[in-house]
Amino acid sequence: MRFAFRFIPWLLLAALAGSARRMDVEPIIAHAITINAERLDAPAIETAPGLRYADGWSLTSSDDDFGGLSSLTIENGHFIALSDIGAVIRFAINAEGKVSDASINPLPRGCATDSDKRERDSESLAHDPVSGDYWIGFEWRNVICRSDTRLAKAERIVMPGVMKHWSKTGGPEAIVRLADGRFLVFAESAQGSDALPELVIADRDPTAPDARYSRALYMGPEHHFSPTDAAQLPDGRLIVLNRRFEPPAYFSARLSLLDQIPAKVSGILSGKTIAKFGRPGLTSNFEGVAISNEGGRTFIWLISDDNYMWIENTYLLKFELLPEPEPKP
């Protein structure tokens, strides 16, 4: 009987999520918010020798628009996250866990309508540190919207032909701009007869009229783990965040480290696991990853999606990627 009752919140979650995907939602109005951060007490996370858990917090807010975070980037010391209902959430957090400059803003004007939740389902975010522009991936429509430097106005919006056959709930779940100007766009789930999710490679801005695309496949670290976000390290390697639903009622996650992306990507792209999240240790619906550099040290940040449900959490975790040891003579 106790086992059966464990299913009830998740059955309700599934029903609510299904209806929320179809329902209209109120437009997002720009406003300041308060975010509280409660430090996590040394959570149980399995990490590879080259990765060290540095810090972590559980984030909460009384604002109804806070939550559902599906992507993450860091610019000028501030986090920028997009939500499932099309909110752009910004905040900063210091070493003591005090959150400041927290705000919620609508999506860039022209990227999506205000009323339809499905059109506002923003799942991925990429940024060019040189031009300052942003690219947002929308799951339901399978489109990519390029925004200005303030995330205020759309500059171009396209549905690449290589993504037209992607399912409405299967991608683009992750977008990363590589240092050489190429873009990688990850589908969340396999399409058609493919056993693995597709990976689209654009040779430049994917919304540019002259952009050229190629395709490959992405293999997660274990069976049924799907990519949810990606970020490039300063040395050119790639970090990919992967998650999987674990019956009866929770998510597990894996953090993968990939070698430098070759000039020509084909076949299957895969990496090695450097962190595992799952029961009985800390676990959540992790969907966002970002990289920061602090005094020459590289840190990896993860954020989770609480699905706007009280039974889930918004975790912000910080890991340090340690330098590889010098080879012995």
C-alpha atoms as a PDB file:
ATOM      1  CA  MET A   1       0.000   0.000   0.000  1.00  0.00           C
ATOM      2  CA  ARG A   2       2.819   2.408   0.882  1.00  0.00           C
ATOM      3  CA  PHE A   3       4.473   1.590  -2.464  1.00  0.00           C
ATOM      4  CA  ALA A   4       1.251   2.386  -4.311  1.00  0.00           C
ATOM      5  CA  PHE A   5       0.900   5.751  -2.575  1.00  0.00           C
ATOM      6  CA  ARG A   6       4.354   6.773  -3.848  1.00  0.00           C
ATOM      7  CA  PHE A   7       2.915   6.847  -7.353  1.00  0.00           C
ATOM      8  CA  ILE A   8       0.148   9.328  -6.548  1.00  0.00           C
ATOM      9  CA  PRO A   9       2.190  12.606  -6.651  1.00  0.00           C
ATOM     10  CA  TRP A  10       3.815  11.577  -9.914  1.00  0.00           C
ATOM     11  CA  LEU A  11       0.553  10.571 -11.522  1.00  0.00           C
ATOM     12  CA  LEU A  12      -0.741  14.002 -10.606  1.00  0.00           C
ATOM     13  CA  LEU A  13       2.487  15.535 -11.955  1.00  0.00           C
ATOM     14  CA  ALA A  14       2.043  13.761 -15.278  1.00  0.00           C
ATOM     15  CA  ALA A  15      -1.568  14.881 -15.539  1.00  0.00           C
ATOM     16  CA  LEU A  16      -0.740  18.467 -14.629  1.00  0.00           C
ATOM     17  CA  ALA A  17       2.254  18.580 -16.953  1.00  0.00           C
ATOM     18  CA  GLY A  18       0.148  17.315 -19.833  1.00  0.00           C
ATOM     19  CA  SER A  19      -2.551  19.880 -19.274  1.00  0.00           C
ATOM     20  CA  ALA A  20      -0.024  22.670 -18.643  1.00  0.00           C
ATOM     21  CA  ARG A  21       1.561  21.985 -22.030  1.00  0.00           C
ATOM     22  CA  ARG A  22      -1.785  22.772 -23.675  1.00  0.00           C
ATOM     23  CA  MET A  23      -3.105  25.526 -21.442  1.00  0.00           C
ATOM     24  CA  ASP A  24      -2.661  29.248 -21.992  1.00  0.00           C
ATOM     25  CA  VAL A  25      -0.563  31.093 -19.431  1.00  0.00           C
ATOM     26  CA  GLU A  26      -0.354  34.712 -18.381  1.00  0.00           C
ATOM     27  CA  PRO A  27       2.289  36.881 -20.093  1.00  0.00           C
ATOM     28  CA  ILE A  28       5.541  37.298 -18.168  1.00  0.00           C
ATOM     29  CA  ILE A  29       5.919  40.815 -16.780  1.00  0.00           C
ATOM     30  CA  ALA A  30       9.424  42.074 -16.009  1.00  0.00           C
ATOM     31  CA  HIS A  31       9.924  42.413 -12.258  1.00  0.00           C
ATOM     32  CA  ALA A  32      12.473  41.960  -9.482  1.00  0.00           C
ATOM     33  CA  ILE A  33      12.188  38.895  -7.248  1.00  0.00           C
ATOM     34  CA  THR A  34      13.700  37.516  -4.066  1.00  0.00           C
ATOM     35  CA  ILE A  35      15.487  34.157  -4.221  1.00  0.00           C
ATOM     36  CA  ASN A  36      16.539  32.359  -1.060  1.00  0.00           C
ATOM     37  CA  ALA A  37      19.460  29.913  -1.076  1.00  0.00           C
ATOM     38  CA  GLU A  38      19.840  27.151   1.507  1.00  0.00           C
ATOM     39  CA  ARG A  39      23.263  25.509   1.455  1.00  0.00           C
ATOM     40  CA  LEU A  40      23.312  21.750   0.912  1.00  0.00           C
ATOM     41  CA  ASP A  41      25.107  19.670   3.503  1.00  0.00           C
ATOM     42  CA  ALA A  42      27.735  17.632   1.601  1.00  0.00           C
ATOM     43  CA  PRO A  43      25.331  15.765  -0.720  1.00  0.00           C
ATOM     44  CA  ALA A  44      26.192  12.217  -1.767  1.00  0.00           C
ATOM     45  CA  ILE A  45      27.375  12.493  -5.387  1.00  0.00           C
ATOM     46  CA  GLU A  46      29.672  10.038  -7.149  1.00  0.00           C
ATOM     47  CA  THR A  47      32.406  11.932  -9.011  1.00  0.00           C
ATOM     48  CA  ALA A  48      35.465  10.955 -11.028  1.00  0.00           C
ATOM     49  CA  PRO A  49      38.918  11.753  -9.550  1.00  0.00           C
ATOM     50  CA  GLY A  50      39.254  14.910 -11.680  1.00  0.00           C
ATOM     51  CA  LEU A  51      36.023  16.489 -10.427  1.00  0.00           C
ATOM     52  CA  ARG A  52      35.482  17.982  -6.967  1.00  0.00           C
ATOM     53  CA  TYR A  53      32.168  19.028  -5.416  1.00  0.00           C
ATOM     54  CA  ALA A  54      32.666  22.659  -4.349  1.00  0.00           C
ATOM     55  CA  ASP A  55      29.304  23.981  -3.155  1.00  0.00           C
ATOM     56  CA  GLY A  56      25.559  23.734  -3.619  1.00  0.00           C
ATOM     57  CA  TRP A  57      22.274  25.336  -2.682  1.00  0.00           C
ATOM     58  CA  SER A  58      18.552  24.716  -2.827  1.00  0.00           C
ATOM     59  CA  LEU A  59      16.901  27.799  -4.364  1.00  0.00           C
ATOM     60  CA  THR A  60      13.378  28.903  -3.478  1.00  0.00           C
ATOM     61  CA  SER A  61      11.213  31.934  -4.130  1.00  0.00           C
ATOM     62  CA  SER A  62       7.689  33.006  -3.255  1.00  0.00           C
ATOM     63  CA  ASP A  63       7.279  34.245  -6.832  1.00  0.00           C
ATOM     64  CA  ASP A  64       5.025  31.904  -8.838  1.00  0.00           C
ATOM     65  CA  ASP A  65       7.044  32.489 -12.021  1.00  0.00           C
ATOM     66  CA  PHE A  66      10.242  31.129 -10.489  1.00  0.00           C
ATOM     67  CA  GLY A  67      11.090  27.517 -11.354  1.00  0.00           C
ATOM     68  CA  GLY A  68      11.002  25.145 -14.307  1.00  0.00           C
ATOM     69  CA  LEU A  69      14.598  26.044 -15.253  1.00  0.00           C
ATOM     70  CA  SER A  70      15.757  24.274 -18.408  1.00  0.00           C
ATOM     71  CA  SER A  71      19.048  25.933 -19.379  1.00  0.00           C
ATOM     72  CA  LEU A  72      21.873  27.926 -17.838  1.00  0.00           C
ATOM     73  CA  THR A  73      24.610  30.335 -18.826  1.00  0.00           C
ATOM     74  CA  ILE A  74      26.871  32.735 -16.911  1.00  0.00           C
ATOM     75  CA  GLU A  75      27.597  36.273 -18.085  1.00  0.00           C
ATOM     76  CA  ASN A  76      29.410  38.976 -16.107  1.00  0.00           C
ATOM     77  CA  GLY A  77      29.025  37.099 -12.854  1.00  0.00           C
ATOM     78  CA  HIS A  78      25.272  36.584 -13.276  1.00  0.00           C
ATOM     79  CA  PHE A  79      23.367  33.422 -14.045  1.00  0.00           C
ATOM     80  CA  ILE A  80      20.814  33.476 -16.862  1.00  0.00           C
ATOM     81  CA  ALA A  81      18.290  30.641 -16.974  1.00  0.00           C
ATOM     82  CA  LEU A  82      15.249  30.022 -19.178  1.00  0.00           C
ATOM     83  CA  SER A  83      12.094  28.376 -17.921  1.00  0.00           C
ATOM     84  CA  ASP A  84       9.426  26.110 -19.377  1.00  0.00           C
ATOM     85  CA  ILE A  85       6.905  28.969 -19.419  1.00  0.00           C
ATOM     86  CA  GLY A  86       9.205  31.379 -21.236  1.00  0.00           C
ATOM     87  CA  ALA A  87      10.671  33.351 -18.343  1.00  0.00           C
ATOM     88  CA  VAL A  88      14.225  34.723 -18.430  1.00  0.00           C
ATOM     89  CA  ILE A  89      15.572  34.509 -14.879  1.00  0.00           C
ATOM     90  CA  ARG A  90      18.725  36.373 -13.838  1.00  0.00           C
ATOM     91  CA  PHE A  91      20.519  36.328 -10.504  1.00  0.00           C
ATOM     92  CA  ALA A  92      23.930  36.425  -8.826  1.00  0.00           C
ATOM     93  CA  ILE A  93      25.085  34.406  -5.818  1.00  0.00           C
ATOM     94  CA  ASN A  94      28.165  34.927  -3.663  1.00  0.00           C
ATOM     95  CA  ALA A  95      30.336  32.439  -1.791  1.00  0.00           C
ATOM     96  CA  GLU A  96      28.171  32.779   1.314  1.00  0.00           C
ATOM     97  CA  GLY A  97      25.061  31.850  -0.651  1.00  0.00           C
ATOM     98  CA  LYS A  98      23.462  35.295  -0.714  1.00  0.00           C
ATOM     99  CA  VAL A  99      21.438  35.859  -3.896  1.00  0.00           C
ATOM    100  CA  SER A 100      21.305  39.356  -5.396  1.00  0.00           C
ATOM    101  CA  ASP A 101      20.116  41.173  -8.541  1.00  0.00           C
ATOM    102  CA  ALA A 102      17.378  38.577  -9.092  1.00  0.00           C
ATOM    103  CA  SER A 103      14.781  39.354 -11.749  1.00  0.00           C
ATOM    104  CA  ILE A 104      12.315  37.746 -14.136  1.00  0.00           C
ATOM    105  CA  ASN A 105      11.791  39.013 -17.675  1.00  0.00           C
ATOM    106  CA  PRO A 106       9.805  37.813 -20.695  1.00  0.00           C
ATOM    107  CA  LEU A 107      11.405  36.103 -23.662  1.00  0.00           C
ATOM    108  CA  PRO A 108      12.856  38.367 -26.363  1.00  0.00           C
ATOM    109  CA  ARG A 109      10.045  40.067 -28.248  1.00  0.00           C
ATOM    110  CA  GLY A 110       9.299  38.123 -31.432  1.00  0.00           C
ATOM    111  CA  CYS A 111      10.705  34.767 -30.326  1.00  0.00           C
ATOM    112  CA  ALA A 112       7.325  33.447 -29.167  1.00  0.00           C
ATOM    113  CA  THR A 113       3.744  34.522 -28.503  1.00  0.00           C
ATOM    114  CA  ASP A 114       2.765  35.630 -25.022  1.00  0.00           C
ATOM    115  CA  SER A 115      -0.277  33.413 -24.586  1.00  0.00           C
ATOM    116  CA  ASP A 116       0.563  29.907 -25.807  1.00  0.00           C
ATOM    117  CA  LYS A 117       2.639  27.932 -23.298  1.00  0.00           C
ATOM    118  CA  ARG A 118       3.762  25.463 -25.957  1.00  0.00           C
ATOM    119  CA  GLU A 119       5.311  28.205 -28.081  1.00  0.00           C
ATOM    120  CA  ARG A 120       7.090  29.581 -25.002  1.00  0.00           C
ATOM    121  CA  ASP A 121       8.648  26.244 -23.993  1.00  0.00           C
ATOM    122  CA  SER A 122      12.279  27.421 -24.133  1.00  0.00           C
ATOM    123  CA  GLU A 123      14.660  24.527 -23.477  1.00  0.00           C
ATOM    124  CA  SER A 124      18.138  25.677 -24.521  1.00  0.00           C
ATOM    125  CA  LEU A 125      20.330  28.767 -24.588  1.00  0.00           C
ATOM    126  CA  ALA A 126      23.655  29.597 -26.255  1.00  0.00           C
ATOM    127  CA  HIS A 127      25.708  32.794 -26.076  1.00  0.00           C
ATOM    128  CA  ASP A 128      28.472  34.402 -28.142  1.00  0.00           C
ATOM    129  CA  PRO A 129      30.802  36.269 -25.767  1.00  0.00           C
ATOM    130  CA  VAL A 130      32.188  38.337 -28.658  1.00  0.00           C
ATOM    131  CA  SER A 131      29.004  39.664 -30.278  1.00  0.00           C
ATOM    132  CA  GLY A 132      26.917  39.261 -27.120  1.00  0.00           C
ATOM    133  CA  ASP A 133      24.055  37.643 -29.044  1.00  0.00           C
ATOM    134  CA  TYR A 134      21.983  34.735 -27.730  1.00  0.00           C
ATOM    135  CA  TRP A 135      20.301  31.746 -29.366  1.00  0.00           C
ATOM    136  CA  ILE A 136      17.224  30.089 -27.828  1.00  0.00           C
ATOM    137  CA  GLY A 137      15.897  26.643 -28.731  1.00  0.00           C
ATOM    138  CA  PHE A 138      12.164  25.966 -28.486  1.00  0.00           C
ATOM    139  CA  GLU A 139      11.049  22.385 -28.045  1.00  0.00           C
ATOM    140  CA  TRP A 140       7.425  22.373 -29.219  1.00  0.00           C
ATOM    141  CA  ARG A 141       8.132  24.209 -32.492  1.00  0.00           C
ATOM    142  CA  ASN A 142      11.694  22.937 -33.050  1.00  0.00           C
ATOM    143  CA  VAL A 143      12.879  26.431 -33.922  1.00  0.00           C
ATOM    144  CA  ILE A 144      15.935  28.485 -32.985  1.00  0.00           C
ATOM    145  CA  CYS A 145      15.580  32.193 -32.237  1.00  0.00           C
ATOM    146  CA  ARG A 146      18.542  34.563 -32.325  1.00  0.00           C
ATOM    147  CA  SER A 147      18.232  37.453 -29.875  1.00  0.00           C
ATOM    148  CA  ASP A 148      20.029  40.729 -29.329  1.00  0.00           C
ATOM    149  CA  THR A 149      22.547  41.278 -26.556  1.00  0.00           C
ATOM    150  CA  ARG A 150      19.901  42.277 -24.014  1.00  0.00           C
ATOM    151  CA  LEU A 151      17.608  39.292 -24.632  1.00  0.00           C
ATOM    152  CA  ALA A 152      14.966  41.868 -25.480  1.00  0.00           C
ATOM    153  CA  LYS A 153      14.221  41.451 -29.204  1.00  0.00           C
ATOM    154  CA  ALA A 154      14.398  38.627 -31.735  1.00  0.00           C
ATOM    155  CA  GLU A 155      16.740  39.170 -34.678  1.00  0.00           C
ATOM    156  CA  ARG A 156      15.972  35.973 -36.639  1.00  0.00           C
ATOM    157  CA  ILE A 157      13.971  32.808 -36.079  1.00  0.00           C
ATOM    158  CA  VAL A 158      14.296  29.640 -38.175  1.00  0.00           C
ATOM    159  CA  MET A 159      13.391  25.977 -38.280  1.00  0.00           C
ATOM    160  CA  PRO A 160      16.410  24.263 -39.881  1.00  0.00           C
ATOM    161  CA  GLY A 161      15.344  21.647 -42.403  1.00  0.00           C
ATOM    162  CA  VAL A 162      17.417  19.012 -40.612  1.00  0.00           C
ATOM    163  CA  MET A 163      15.208  19.508 -37.535  1.00  0.00           C
ATOM    164  CA  LYS A 164      11.783  19.402 -39.172  1.00  0.00           C
ATOM    165  CA  HIS A 165      11.296  15.705 -38.439  1.00  0.00           C
ATOM    166  CA  TRP A 166      12.149  16.077 -34.741  1.00  0.00           C
ATOM    167  CA  SER A 167       9.240  15.286 -32.428  1.00  0.00           C
ATOM    168  CA  LYS A 168       7.495  18.132 -30.618  1.00  0.00           C
ATOM    169  CA  THR A 169       8.807  16.943 -27.264  1.00  0.00           C
ATOM    170  CA  GLY A 170      12.179  15.668 -28.476  1.00  0.00           C
ATOM    171  CA  GLY A 171      14.379  18.723 -28.961  1.00  0.00           C
ATOM    172  CA  PRO A 172      16.281  21.033 -29.358  1.00  0.00           C
ATOM    173  CA  GLU A 173      17.105  20.359 -25.723  1.00  0.00           C
ATOM    174  CA  ALA A 174      20.675  21.728 -25.788  1.00  0.00           C
ATOM    175  CA  ILE A 175      22.535  24.293 -27.905  1.00  0.00           C
ATOM    176  CA  VAL A 176      26.209  25.154 -27.508  1.00  0.00           C
ATOM    177  CA  ARG A 177      28.288  27.646 -29.472  1.00  0.00           C
ATOM    178  CA  LEU A 178      31.835  26.391 -29.922  1.00  0.00           C
ATOM    179  CA  ALA A 179      34.816  28.728 -29.734  1.00  0.00           C
ATOM    180  CA  ASP A 180      35.443  28.264 -33.480  1.00  0.00           C
ATOM    181  CA  GLY A 181      31.972  29.604 -34.338  1.00  0.00           C
ATOM    182  CA  ARG A 182      30.217  26.298 -34.978  1.00  0.00           C
ATOM    183  CA  PHE A 183      27.011  25.350 -33.176  1.00  0.00           C
ATOM    184  CA  LEU A 184      25.920  21.974 -31.816  1.00  0.00           C
ATOM    185  CA  VAL A 185      22.196  21.347 -31.388  1.00  0.00           C
ATOM    186  CA  PHE A 186      21.173  18.244 -29.442  1.00  0.00           C
ATOM    187  CA  ALA A 187      17.796  16.553 -29.808  1.00  0.00           C
ATOM    188  CA  GLU A 188      16.460  15.249 -26.519  1.00  0.00           C
ATOM    189  CA  SER A 189      15.235  11.920 -27.848  1.00  0.00           C
ATOM    190  CA  ALA A 190      15.809   9.563 -30.744  1.00  0.00           C
ATOM    191  CA  GLN A 191      13.853  10.279 -33.916  1.00  0.00           C
ATOM    192  CA  GLY A 192      12.111   7.616 -35.958  1.00  0.00           C
ATOM    193  CA  SER A 193      14.108   4.419 -36.265  1.00  0.00           C
ATOM    194  CA  ASP A 194      17.311   5.936 -34.845  1.00  0.00           C
ATOM    195  CA  ALA A 195      18.300   4.370 -31.560  1.00  0.00           C
ATOM    196  CA  LEU A 196      20.194   7.503 -30.480  1.00  0.00           C
ATOM    197  CA  PRO A 197      19.331  11.237 -30.322  1.00  0.00           C
ATOM    198  CA  GLU A 198      20.409  13.315 -33.300  1.00  0.00           C
ATOM    199  CA  LEU A 199      23.073  15.997 -33.147  1.00  0.00           C
ATOM    200  CA  VAL A 200      22.932  18.840 -35.678  1.00  0.00           C
ATOM    201  CA  ILE A 201      26.136  20.732 -36.448  1.00  0.00           C
ATOM    202  CA  ALA A 202      25.882  24.229 -37.967  1.00  0.00           C
ATOM    203  CA  ASP A 203      29.047  25.690 -39.467  1.00  0.00           C
ATOM    204  CA  ARG A 204      28.037  29.176 -38.247  1.00  0.00           C
ATOM    205  CA  ASP A 205      25.062  30.990 -36.711  1.00  0.00           C
ATOM    206  CA  PRO A 206      22.265  28.410 -37.266  1.00  0.00           C
ATOM    207  CA  THR A 207      19.785  31.182 -38.098  1.00  0.00           C
ATOM    208  CA  ALA A 208      22.015  32.657 -40.844  1.00  0.00           C
ATOM    209  CA  PRO A 209      20.660  32.238 -44.399  1.00  0.00           C
ATOM    210  CA  ASP A 210      23.945  30.721 -45.568  1.00  0.00           C
ATOM    211  CA  ALA A 211      24.377  28.324 -42.622  1.00  0.00           C
ATOM    212  CA  ARG A 212      25.299  24.778 -43.614  1.00  0.00           C
ATOM    213  CA  TYR A 213      24.236  21.816 -41.511  1.00  0.00           C
ATOM    214  CA  SER A 214      25.419  18.270 -40.996  1.00  0.00           C
ATOM    215  CA  ARG A 215      24.122  15.510 -38.751  1.00  0.00           C
ATOM    216  CA  ALA A 216      25.564  12.992 -36.333  1.00  0.00           C
ATOM    217  CA  LEU A 217      24.273  10.947 -33.398  1.00  0.00           C
ATOM    218  CA  TYR A 218      24.877  11.408 -29.698  1.00  0.00           C
ATOM    219  CA  MET A 219      25.298   8.436 -27.371  1.00  0.00           C
ATOM    220  CA  GLY A 220      24.638   9.142 -23.718  1.00  0.00           C
ATOM    221  CA  PRO A 221      26.702   7.571 -20.939  1.00  0.00           C
ATOM    222  CA  GLU A 222      24.216   4.769 -20.239  1.00  0.00           C
ATOM    223  CA  HIS A 223      20.988   3.342 -21.641  1.00  0.00           C
ATOM    224  CA  HIS A 224      18.129   5.845 -21.970  1.00  0.00           C
ATOM    225  CA  PHE A 225      20.082   8.872 -20.729  1.00  0.00           C
ATOM    226  CA  SER A 226      19.176  11.911 -22.859  1.00  0.00           C
ATOM    227  CA  PRO A 227      21.128  15.170 -23.264  1.00  0.00           C
ATOM    228  CA  THR A 228      19.597  18.187 -21.506  1.00  0.00           C
ATOM    229  CA  ASP A 229      22.330  20.842 -21.809  1.00  0.00           C
ATOM    230  CA  ALA A 230      25.941  21.305 -22.918  1.00  0.00           C
ATOM    231  CA  ALA A 231      28.812  23.767 -22.481  1.00  0.00           C
ATOM    232  CA  GLN A 232      32.349  24.064 -23.822  1.00  0.00           C
ATOM    233  CA  LEU A 233      35.347  24.153 -21.492  1.00  0.00           C
ATOM    234  CA  PRO A 234      38.180  26.674 -21.992  1.00  0.00           C
ATOM    235  CA  ASP A 235      40.436  23.875 -23.316  1.00  0.00           C
ATOM    236  CA  GLY A 236      37.921  22.992 -26.046  1.00  0.00           C
ATOM    237  CA  ARG A 237      36.439  19.887 -24.474  1.00  0.00           C
ATOM    238  CA  LEU A 238      32.687  19.573 -24.044  1.00  0.00           C
ATOM    239  CA  ILE A 239      30.550  18.983 -20.966  1.00  0.00           C
ATOM    240  CA  VAL A 240      27.161  17.345 -21.601  1.00  0.00           C
ATOM    241  CA  LEU A 241      24.473  16.970 -18.941  1.00  0.00           C
ATOM    242  CA  ASN A 242      22.259  13.883 -19.312  1.00  0.00           C
ATOM    243  CA  ARG A 243      19.154  12.729 -17.427  1.00  0.00           C
ATOM    244  CA  ARG A 244      16.849   9.738 -17.215  1.00  0.00           C
ATOM    245  CA  PHE A 245      13.506   9.105 -15.549  1.00  0.00           C
ATOM    246  CA  GLU A 246      13.785   6.327 -12.983  1.00  0.00           C
ATOM    247  CA  PRO A 247      10.569   4.441 -12.124  1.00  0.00           C
ATOM    248  CA  PRO A 248       8.667   4.759  -9.984  1.00  0.00           C
ATOM    249  CA  ALA A 249       9.168   8.409  -9.194  1.00  0.00           C
ATOM    250  CA  TYR A 250      12.477  10.229  -9.668  1.00  0.00           C
ATOM    251  CA  PHE A 251      15.215  11.310 -12.082  1.00  0.00           C
ATOM    252  CA  SER A 252      18.864  10.350 -12.257  1.00  0.00           C
ATOM    253  CA  ALA A 253      21.589  12.259 -14.088  1.00  0.00           C
ATOM    254  CA  ARG A 254      25.057  11.823 -15.553  1.00  0.00           C
ATOM    255  CA  LEU A 255      27.671  14.426 -16.405  1.00  0.00           C
ATOM    256  CA  SER A 256      29.780  13.542 -19.446  1.00  0.00           C
ATOM    257  CA  LEU A 257      33.143  14.890 -20.584  1.00  0.00           C
ATOM    258  CA  LEU A 258      33.842  14.776 -24.335  1.00  0.00           C
ATOM    259  CA  ASP A 259      37.130  15.340 -26.108  1.00  0.00           C
ATOM    260  CA  GLN A 260      37.623  18.375 -28.318  1.00  0.00           C
ATOM    261  CA  ILE A 261      35.082  18.397 -31.129  1.00  0.00           C
ATOM    262  CA  PRO A 262      36.804  17.509 -34.423  1.00  0.00           C
ATOM    263  CA  ALA A 263      36.640  19.780 -37.438  1.00  0.00           C
ATOM    264  CA  LYS A 264      34.292  17.305 -39.103  1.00  0.00           C
ATOM    265  CA  VAL A 265      31.742  15.583 -36.895  1.00  0.00           C
ATOM    266  CA  SER A 266      30.161  12.373 -38.153  1.00  0.00           C
ATOM    267  CA  GLY A 267      29.046   9.022 -36.837  1.00  0.00           C
ATOM    268  CA  ILE A 268      28.464   8.869 -33.075  1.00  0.00           C
ATOM    269  CA  LEU A 269      29.697  11.396 -30.527  1.00  0.00           C
ATOM    270  CA  SER A 270      30.160  10.156 -26.947  1.00  0.00           C
ATOM    271  CA  GLY A 271      32.206  10.820 -23.829  1.00  0.00           C
ATOM    272  CA  LYS A 272      33.124   9.520 -20.397  1.00  0.00           C
ATOM    273  CA  THR A 273      31.070   9.902 -17.221  1.00  0.00           C
ATOM    274  CA  ILE A 274      32.574  12.195 -14.577  1.00  0.00           C
ATOM    275  CA  ALA A 275      29.605  12.505 -12.176  1.00  0.00           C
ATOM    276  CA  LYS A 276      26.588  10.380 -11.256  1.00  0.00           C
ATOM    277  CA  PHE A 277      23.410  11.559  -9.550  1.00  0.00           C
ATOM    278  CA  GLY A 278      20.892   9.025  -8.296  1.00  0.00           C
ATOM    279  CA  ARG A 279      19.324   7.355  -5.298  1.00  0.00           C
ATOM    280  CA  PRO A 280      20.216   7.025  -2.483  1.00  0.00           C
ATOM    281  CA  GLY A 281      22.339  10.153  -3.055  1.00  0.00           C
ATOM    282  CA  LEU A 282      21.295  13.574  -4.322  1.00  0.00           C
ATOM    283  CA  THR A 283      19.188  13.510  -7.461  1.00  0.00           C
ATOM    284  CA  SER A 284      16.887  15.866  -9.319  1.00  0.00           C
ATOM    285  CA  ASN A 285      15.697  16.794 -12.807  1.00  0.00           C
ATOM    286  CA  PHE A 286      18.987  18.452 -13.819  1.00  0.00           C
ATOM    287  CA  GLU A 287      18.602  20.418 -17.075  1.00  0.00           C
ATOM    288  CA  GLY A 288      21.172  23.229 -17.118  1.00  0.00           C
ATOM    289  CA  VAL A 289      24.991  23.372 -17.172  1.00  0.00           C
ATOM    290  CA  ALA A 290      27.379  26.328 -17.384  1.00  0.00           C
ATOM    291  CA  ILE A 291      31.120  26.993 -17.050  1.00  0.00           C
ATOM    292  CA  SER A 292      32.915  29.701 -15.076  1.00  0.00           C
ATOM    293  CA  ASN A 293      36.574  30.616 -14.628  1.00  0.00           C
ATOM    294  CA  GLU A 294      37.690  31.945 -11.264  1.00  0.00           C
ATOM    295  CA  GLY A 295      41.354  32.883 -10.939  1.00  0.00           C
ATOM    296  CA  GLY A 296      42.405  30.333 -13.534  1.00  0.00           C
ATOM    297  CA  ARG A 297      40.292  27.563 -11.957  1.00  0.00           C
ATOM    298  CA  THR A 298      37.465  25.987 -13.971  1.00  0.00           C
ATOM    299  CA  PHE A 299      34.083  25.401 -12.366  1.00  0.00           C
ATOM    300  CA  ILE A 300      31.047  23.529 -13.676  1.00  0.00           C
ATOM    301  CA  TRP A 301      27.589  24.649 -12.531  1.00  0.00           C
ATOM    302  CA  LEU A 302      24.402  22.576 -12.688  1.00  0.00           C
ATOM    303  CA  ILE A 303      20.804  23.647 -12.142  1.00  0.00           C
ATOM    304  CA  SER A 304      17.669  21.529 -11.872  1.00  0.00           C
ATOM    305  CA  ASP A 305      14.072  21.934 -13.054  1.00  0.00           C
ATOM    306  CA  ASP A 306      11.472  21.608 -10.285  1.00  0.00           C
ATOM    307  CA  ASN A 307       8.611  21.367 -12.817  1.00  0.00           C
ATOM    308  CA  TYR A 308       6.806  23.946 -10.650  1.00  0.00           C
ATOM    309  CA  MET A 309       5.995  21.137  -8.209  1.00  0.00           C
ATOM    310  CA  TRP A 310       6.432  21.314  -4.442  1.00  0.00           C
ATOM    311  CA  ILE A 311       7.730  17.739  -4.370  1.00  0.00           C
ATOM    312  CA  GLU A 312      10.759  18.712  -6.483  1.00  0.00           C
ATOM    313  CA  ASN A 313      13.650  21.154  -5.997  1.00  0.00           C
ATOM    314  CA  THR A 314      15.671  23.805  -7.776  1.00  0.00           C
ATOM    315  CA  TYR A 315      19.261  22.858  -6.993  1.00  0.00           C
ATOM    316  CA  LEU A 316      22.301  24.925  -7.969  1.00  0.00           C
ATOM    317  CA  LEU A 317      25.504  22.882  -7.719  1.00  0.00           C
ATOM    318  CA  LYS A 318      29.126  23.914  -8.201  1.00  0.00           C
ATOM    319  CA  PHE A 319      31.990  21.554  -9.109  1.00  0.00           C
ATOM    320  CA  GLU A 320      35.650  22.242  -9.746  1.00  0.00           C
ATOM    321  CA  LEU A 321      37.290  20.547 -12.704  1.00  0.00           C
ATOM    322  CA  LEU A 322      40.795  19.800 -11.463  1.00  0.00           C
ATOM    323  CA  PRO A 323      43.859  20.086 -13.721  1.00  0.00           C
ATOM    324  CA  GLU A 324      45.051  16.801 -15.131  1.00  0.00           C
ATOM    325  CA  PRO A 325      48.213  15.579 -13.391  1.00  0.00           C
ATOM    326  CA  GLU A 326      51.505  15.996 -15.224  1.00  0.00           C
ATOM    327  CA  PRO A 327      52.560  12.761 -16.923  1.00  0.00           C
ATOM    328  CA  LYS A 328      55.429  10.977 -15.222  1.00  0.00           C
ATOM    329  CA  PRO A 329      58.715  10.952 -17.183  1.00  0.00           C
END
